[in-house]
Amino acid sequence: MKVLLSITTLLSFGLCLPQAQASTMPGADIQKLRLGLGTAPGVALQIPLAENFNLGGSAAMPFFYGAFGFTRYDAHLSYRLIKTDSLSVAAMIGVFGDINTSQRTDLKLSPFGIQAGVGIAYKINEFFTARVNIVPGLGFPNSTGWGLFPPAGGVEVAYHPLPQLEISAGFNGNSDIFGVNYSF
């Protein structure tokens, strides 16, 4: 009985927390402090600086790129341009890069790059949000031109089982396919 009461208390407390509006990639609809974990494996942090203005960053070891053994990082700023009940659009700009942590000689990585573009989020209903970030990037010195999947770029669908918790599926520049995010 005590266990059931404890679970009920925790769930009740969880429902009172602010709504999760974040992902392992930056989301145009975010305006809360949040921590995200992705399957790359990767970790992301988003910090609101002012109304409609966020600072974020991530670090990952992109397993799904077939070259496990390097670390990808990014830092970005986003500014929300449009906010309606269901649609949010934000401008994003930042830096990213890949660090050869395993000292593999077969990897041609770019330790520094720039990324800039737009993020679009559409709230389908109270449980689901769709996001598309069109944020091309250019890495240096081993660039092959503009790439569509630096860490801030990607597509995903997010599910909110609890107001402060989000589970996402899609693909982003950190090679996250699934993500779990928590808002504080």
C-alpha atoms as a PDB file:
ATOM      1  CA  MET A   1       0.000   0.000   0.000  1.00  0.00           C
ATOM      2  CA  LYS A   2       2.866   2.393   0.824  1.00  0.00           C
ATOM      3  CA  VAL A   3       4.461   1.703  -2.569  1.00  0.00           C
ATOM      4  CA  LEU A   4       1.190   2.488  -4.371  1.00  0.00           C
ATOM      5  CA  LEU A   5       0.805   5.704  -2.352  1.00  0.00           C
ATOM      6  CA  SER A   6       4.404   6.721  -3.184  1.00  0.00           C
ATOM      7  CA  ILE A   7       3.903   6.090  -6.915  1.00  0.00           C
ATOM      8  CA  THR A   8       0.642   8.068  -6.874  1.00  0.00           C
ATOM      9  CA  THR A   9       2.356  10.956  -5.063  1.00  0.00           C
ATOM     10  CA  LEU A  10       5.248  11.003  -7.565  1.00  0.00           C
ATOM     11  CA  LEU A  11       2.893  10.960 -10.558  1.00  0.00           C
ATOM     12  CA  SER A  12       0.775  13.737  -9.042  1.00  0.00           C
ATOM     13  CA  PHE A  13       3.893  15.831  -8.459  1.00  0.00           C
ATOM     14  CA  GLY A  14       5.074  15.124 -12.018  1.00  0.00           C
ATOM     15  CA  LEU A  15       1.815  16.359 -13.517  1.00  0.00           C
ATOM     16  CA  CYS A  16       2.270  19.727 -11.794  1.00  0.00           C
ATOM     17  CA  LEU A  17       5.664  20.409 -13.399  1.00  0.00           C
ATOM     18  CA  PRO A  18       6.015  22.608 -16.510  1.00  0.00           C
ATOM     19  CA  GLN A  19       5.302  21.050 -19.905  1.00  0.00           C
ATOM     20  CA  ALA A  20       8.241  19.534 -21.768  1.00  0.00           C
ATOM     21  CA  GLN A  21       8.915  21.322 -25.023  1.00  0.00           C
ATOM     22  CA  ALA A  22      12.335  20.166 -26.060  1.00  0.00           C
ATOM     23  CA  SER A  23      14.209  17.483 -27.937  1.00  0.00           C
ATOM     24  CA  THR A  24      17.687  16.084 -28.461  1.00  0.00           C
ATOM     25  CA  MET A  25      17.913  18.587 -31.306  1.00  0.00           C
ATOM     26  CA  PRO A  26      16.929  22.224 -30.725  1.00  0.00           C
ATOM     27  CA  GLY A  27      13.187  22.794 -31.012  1.00  0.00           C
ATOM     28  CA  ALA A  28      11.462  25.966 -32.146  1.00  0.00           C
ATOM     29  CA  ASP A  29       8.853  25.425 -29.425  1.00  0.00           C
ATOM     30  CA  ILE A  30      11.248  25.268 -26.469  1.00  0.00           C
ATOM     31  CA  GLN A  31      11.420  27.940 -23.782  1.00  0.00           C
ATOM     32  CA  LYS A  32      12.396  25.925 -20.712  1.00  0.00           C
ATOM     33  CA  LEU A  33      15.508  24.533 -19.059  1.00  0.00           C
ATOM     34  CA  ARG A  34      15.799  20.933 -20.238  1.00  0.00           C
ATOM     35  CA  LEU A  35      18.187  18.023 -20.348  1.00  0.00           C
ATOM     36  CA  GLY A  36      18.074  15.463 -23.162  1.00  0.00           C
ATOM     37  CA  LEU A  37      19.656  12.057 -23.727  1.00  0.00           C
ATOM     38  CA  GLY A  38      19.871  10.462 -27.164  1.00  0.00           C
ATOM     39  CA  THR A  39      20.772   7.087 -28.604  1.00  0.00           C
ATOM     40  CA  ALA A  40      23.904   8.333 -30.432  1.00  0.00           C
ATOM     41  CA  PRO A  41      24.807   8.215 -27.435  1.00  0.00           C
ATOM     42  CA  GLY A  42      24.444  11.906 -26.781  1.00  0.00           C
ATOM     43  CA  VAL A  43      23.456  14.536 -24.249  1.00  0.00           C
ATOM     44  CA  ALA A  44      21.902  17.982 -24.831  1.00  0.00           C
ATOM     45  CA  LEU A  45      21.166  20.994 -22.639  1.00  0.00           C
ATOM     46  CA  GLN A  46      18.861  23.907 -23.444  1.00  0.00           C
ATOM     47  CA  ILE A  47      18.820  27.100 -21.338  1.00  0.00           C
ATOM     48  CA  PRO A  48      16.338  29.969 -21.802  1.00  0.00           C
ATOM     49  CA  LEU A  49      18.171  33.322 -21.721  1.00  0.00           C
ATOM     50  CA  ALA A  50      15.294  35.718 -22.303  1.00  0.00           C
ATOM     51  CA  GLU A  51      11.814  35.578 -23.774  1.00  0.00           C
ATOM     52  CA  ASN A  52      12.018  33.676 -27.099  1.00  0.00           C
ATOM     53  CA  PHE A  53      15.852  33.437 -26.863  1.00  0.00           C
ATOM     54  CA  ASN A  54      17.697  30.190 -25.952  1.00  0.00           C
ATOM     55  CA  LEU A  55      21.251  28.934 -25.618  1.00  0.00           C
ATOM     56  CA  GLY A  56      21.889  25.249 -26.148  1.00  0.00           C
ATOM     57  CA  GLY A  57      24.551  22.671 -26.710  1.00  0.00           C
ATOM     58  CA  SER A  58      25.148  18.988 -27.191  1.00  0.00           C
ATOM     59  CA  ALA A  59      27.850  16.337 -27.250  1.00  0.00           C
ATOM     60  CA  ALA A  60      27.570  12.905 -28.841  1.00  0.00           C
ATOM     61  CA  MET A  61      29.483   9.896 -30.109  1.00  0.00           C
ATOM     62  CA  PRO A  62      27.581   9.179 -33.353  1.00  0.00           C
ATOM     63  CA  PHE A  63      27.406   5.399 -33.420  1.00  0.00           C
ATOM     64  CA  PHE A  64      24.975   5.265 -36.357  1.00  0.00           C
ATOM     65  CA  TYR A  65      27.367   7.138 -38.675  1.00  0.00           C
ATOM     66  CA  GLY A  66      29.478   3.975 -38.843  1.00  0.00           C
ATOM     67  CA  ALA A  67      32.547   5.663 -37.403  1.00  0.00           C
ATOM     68  CA  PHE A  68      32.178   5.284 -33.649  1.00  0.00           C
ATOM     69  CA  GLY A  69      35.236   6.761 -32.001  1.00  0.00           C
ATOM     70  CA  PHE A  70      34.806  10.485 -32.474  1.00  0.00           C
ATOM     71  CA  THR A  71      32.948  13.081 -30.440  1.00  0.00           C
ATOM     72  CA  ARG A  72      30.601  15.599 -32.043  1.00  0.00           C
ATOM     73  CA  TYR A  73      29.771  18.851 -30.235  1.00  0.00           C
ATOM     74  CA  ASP A  74      27.641  21.908 -30.881  1.00  0.00           C
ATOM     75  CA  ALA A  75      26.656  25.215 -29.319  1.00  0.00           C
ATOM     76  CA  HIS A  76      23.751  27.213 -30.710  1.00  0.00           C
ATOM     77  CA  LEU A  77      21.491  30.188 -30.155  1.00  0.00           C
ATOM     78  CA  SER A  78      17.857  30.177 -31.200  1.00  0.00           C
ATOM     79  CA  TYR A  79      15.340  32.975 -31.410  1.00  0.00           C
ATOM     80  CA  ARG A  80      11.642  32.187 -31.750  1.00  0.00           C
ATOM     81  CA  LEU A  81      10.165  34.275 -34.576  1.00  0.00           C
ATOM     82  CA  ILE A  82       6.588  32.922 -34.653  1.00  0.00           C
ATOM     83  CA  LYS A  83       4.491  31.408 -31.857  1.00  0.00           C
ATOM     84  CA  THR A  84       0.841  30.378 -32.233  1.00  0.00           C
ATOM     85  CA  ASP A  85      -1.169  27.723 -30.396  1.00  0.00           C
ATOM     86  CA  SER A  86       0.176  24.982 -32.655  1.00  0.00           C
ATOM     87  CA  LEU A  87       3.053  26.430 -34.743  1.00  0.00           C
ATOM     88  CA  SER A  88       6.460  27.737 -33.684  1.00  0.00           C
ATOM     89  CA  VAL A  89       9.273  28.927 -35.972  1.00  0.00           C
ATOM     90  CA  ALA A  90      12.761  29.853 -34.772  1.00  0.00           C
ATOM     91  CA  ALA A  91      15.979  31.085 -36.359  1.00  0.00           C
ATOM     92  CA  MET A  92      19.079  29.131 -35.282  1.00  0.00           C
ATOM     93  CA  ILE A  93      22.792  29.806 -35.538  1.00  0.00           C
ATOM     94  CA  GLY A  94      25.756  28.066 -33.991  1.00  0.00           C
ATOM     95  CA  VAL A  95      29.032  26.216 -34.190  1.00  0.00           C
ATOM     96  CA  PHE A  96      29.761  22.501 -34.257  1.00  0.00           C
ATOM     97  CA  GLY A  97      32.642  20.136 -34.818  1.00  0.00           C
ATOM     98  CA  ASP A  98      34.026  16.638 -34.584  1.00  0.00           C
ATOM     99  CA  ILE A  99      36.916  15.638 -32.355  1.00  0.00           C
ATOM    100  CA  ASN A 100      38.863  12.447 -33.082  1.00  0.00           C
ATOM    101  CA  THR A 101      38.953  11.164 -29.494  1.00  0.00           C
ATOM    102  CA  SER A 102      40.174   7.683 -30.508  1.00  0.00           C
ATOM    103  CA  GLN A 103      42.988   9.058 -32.713  1.00  0.00           C
ATOM    104  CA  ARG A 104      41.790   7.007 -35.704  1.00  0.00           C
ATOM    105  CA  THR A 105      43.736   7.826 -38.856  1.00  0.00           C
ATOM    106  CA  ASP A 106      40.914   6.724 -41.206  1.00  0.00           C
ATOM    107  CA  LEU A 107      38.554   9.510 -40.082  1.00  0.00           C
ATOM    108  CA  LYS A 108      38.620  12.844 -41.938  1.00  0.00           C
ATOM    109  CA  LEU A 109      36.835  15.077 -39.457  1.00  0.00           C
ATOM    110  CA  SER A 110      36.168  18.797 -39.276  1.00  0.00           C
ATOM    111  CA  PRO A 111      36.966  20.121 -35.790  1.00  0.00           C
ATOM    112  CA  PHE A 112      35.061  23.372 -36.394  1.00  0.00           C
ATOM    113  CA  GLY A 113      32.007  24.328 -38.413  1.00  0.00           C
ATOM    114  CA  ILE A 114      29.143  26.793 -38.609  1.00  0.00           C
ATOM    115  CA  GLN A 115      25.435  25.980 -38.749  1.00  0.00           C
ATOM    116  CA  ALA A 116      22.505  28.285 -39.433  1.00  0.00           C
ATOM    117  CA  GLY A 117      18.890  27.856 -40.443  1.00  0.00           C
ATOM    118  CA  VAL A 118      15.330  27.541 -39.248  1.00  0.00           C
ATOM    119  CA  GLY A 119      13.456  25.228 -36.902  1.00  0.00           C
ATOM    120  CA  ILE A 120       9.751  24.496 -37.274  1.00  0.00           C
ATOM    121  CA  ALA A 121       7.615  22.794 -34.627  1.00  0.00           C
ATOM    122  CA  TYR A 122       3.963  21.849 -34.998  1.00  0.00           C
ATOM    123  CA  LYS A 123       1.951  20.752 -31.958  1.00  0.00           C
ATOM    124  CA  ILE A 124      -0.334  18.027 -33.326  1.00  0.00           C
ATOM    125  CA  ASN A 125      -2.216  17.632 -30.039  1.00  0.00           C
ATOM    126  CA  GLU A 126      -1.410  17.675 -26.309  1.00  0.00           C
ATOM    127  CA  PHE A 127       0.623  14.459 -26.645  1.00  0.00           C
ATOM    128  CA  PHE A 128       2.488  14.808 -29.979  1.00  0.00           C
ATOM    129  CA  THR A 129       4.736  17.446 -31.570  1.00  0.00           C
ATOM    130  CA  ALA A 130       6.411  17.243 -35.008  1.00  0.00           C
ATOM    131  CA  ARG A 131       9.678  19.092 -35.635  1.00  0.00           C
ATOM    132  CA  VAL A 132      11.760  19.827 -38.731  1.00  0.00           C
ATOM    133  CA  ASN A 133      15.024  21.748 -38.430  1.00  0.00           C
ATOM    134  CA  ILE A 134      16.494  22.888 -41.736  1.00  0.00           C
ATOM    135  CA  VAL A 135      19.895  23.912 -40.423  1.00  0.00           C
ATOM    136  CA  PRO A 136      22.682  23.288 -42.954  1.00  0.00           C
ATOM    137  CA  GLY A 137      26.278  23.402 -41.778  1.00  0.00           C
ATOM    138  CA  LEU A 138      29.743  23.816 -43.205  1.00  0.00           C
ATOM    139  CA  GLY A 139      32.723  22.188 -41.487  1.00  0.00           C
ATOM    140  CA  PHE A 140      36.413  23.124 -41.688  1.00  0.00           C
ATOM    141  CA  PRO A 141      38.962  22.021 -42.919  1.00  0.00           C
ATOM    142  CA  ASN A 142      37.535  18.768 -44.386  1.00  0.00           C
ATOM    143  CA  SER A 143      34.344  20.165 -45.888  1.00  0.00           C
ATOM    144  CA  THR A 144      32.624  18.663 -48.895  1.00  0.00           C
ATOM    145  CA  GLY A 145      30.147  21.554 -48.997  1.00  0.00           C
ATOM    146  CA  TRP A 146      27.035  22.363 -47.025  1.00  0.00           C
ATOM    147  CA  GLY A 147      25.728  19.366 -45.094  1.00  0.00           C
ATOM    148  CA  LEU A 148      22.110  19.008 -44.029  1.00  0.00           C
ATOM    149  CA  PHE A 149      22.766  17.217 -40.754  1.00  0.00           C
ATOM    150  CA  PRO A 150      24.967  19.188 -38.393  1.00  0.00           C
ATOM    151  CA  PRO A 151      23.788  18.651 -34.778  1.00  0.00           C
ATOM    152  CA  ALA A 152      20.993  21.266 -34.921  1.00  0.00           C
ATOM    153  CA  GLY A 153      19.398  19.791 -38.069  1.00  0.00           C
ATOM    154  CA  GLY A 154      16.940  16.924 -38.249  1.00  0.00           C
ATOM    155  CA  VAL A 155      13.363  15.665 -38.147  1.00  0.00           C
ATOM    156  CA  GLU A 156      11.418  14.060 -35.314  1.00  0.00           C
ATOM    157  CA  VAL A 157       8.096  13.305 -33.715  1.00  0.00           C
ATOM    158  CA  ALA A 158       7.915  13.805 -29.950  1.00  0.00           C
ATOM    159  CA  TYR A 159       5.513  12.143 -27.525  1.00  0.00           C
ATOM    160  CA  HIS A 160       4.693  13.707 -24.131  1.00  0.00           C
ATOM    161  CA  PRO A 161       3.509  10.940 -21.756  1.00  0.00           C
ATOM    162  CA  LEU A 162       3.871  13.371 -18.827  1.00  0.00           C
ATOM    163  CA  PRO A 163       3.993  17.174 -18.990  1.00  0.00           C
ATOM    164  CA  GLN A 164       7.712  17.382 -18.064  1.00  0.00           C
ATOM    165  CA  LEU A 165       8.816  14.264 -20.000  1.00  0.00           C
ATOM    166  CA  GLU A 166       9.279  13.851 -23.746  1.00  0.00           C
ATOM    167  CA  ILE A 167      10.208  10.801 -25.832  1.00  0.00           C
ATOM    168  CA  SER A 168      11.251  11.491 -29.429  1.00  0.00           C
ATOM    169  CA  ALA A 169      11.880   9.436 -32.570  1.00  0.00           C
ATOM    170  CA  GLY A 170      13.491  10.726 -35.753  1.00  0.00           C
ATOM    171  CA  PHE A 171      17.014  11.560 -36.883  1.00  0.00           C
ATOM    172  CA  ASN A 172      19.307  14.493 -36.162  1.00  0.00           C
ATOM    173  CA  GLY A 173      22.907  15.502 -36.819  1.00  0.00           C
ATOM    174  CA  ASN A 174      24.119  13.725 -33.685  1.00  0.00           C
ATOM    175  CA  SER A 175      22.686  10.499 -35.162  1.00  0.00           C
ATOM    176  CA  ASP A 176      20.088  10.256 -32.406  1.00  0.00           C
ATOM    177  CA  ILE A 177      17.175   8.064 -33.468  1.00  0.00           C
ATOM    178  CA  PHE A 178      15.453   8.067 -30.080  1.00  0.00           C
ATOM    179  CA  GLY A 179      15.662  10.645 -27.317  1.00  0.00           C
ATOM    180  CA  VAL A 180      14.382  11.181 -23.791  1.00  0.00           C
ATOM    181  CA  ASN A 181      14.110  14.723 -22.471  1.00  0.00           C
ATOM    182  CA  TYR A 182      13.197  16.233 -19.134  1.00  0.00           C
ATOM    183  CA  SER A 183      12.181  19.844 -18.446  1.00  0.00           C
ATOM    184  CA  PHE A 184      12.842  21.525 -15.119  1.00  0.00           C
END
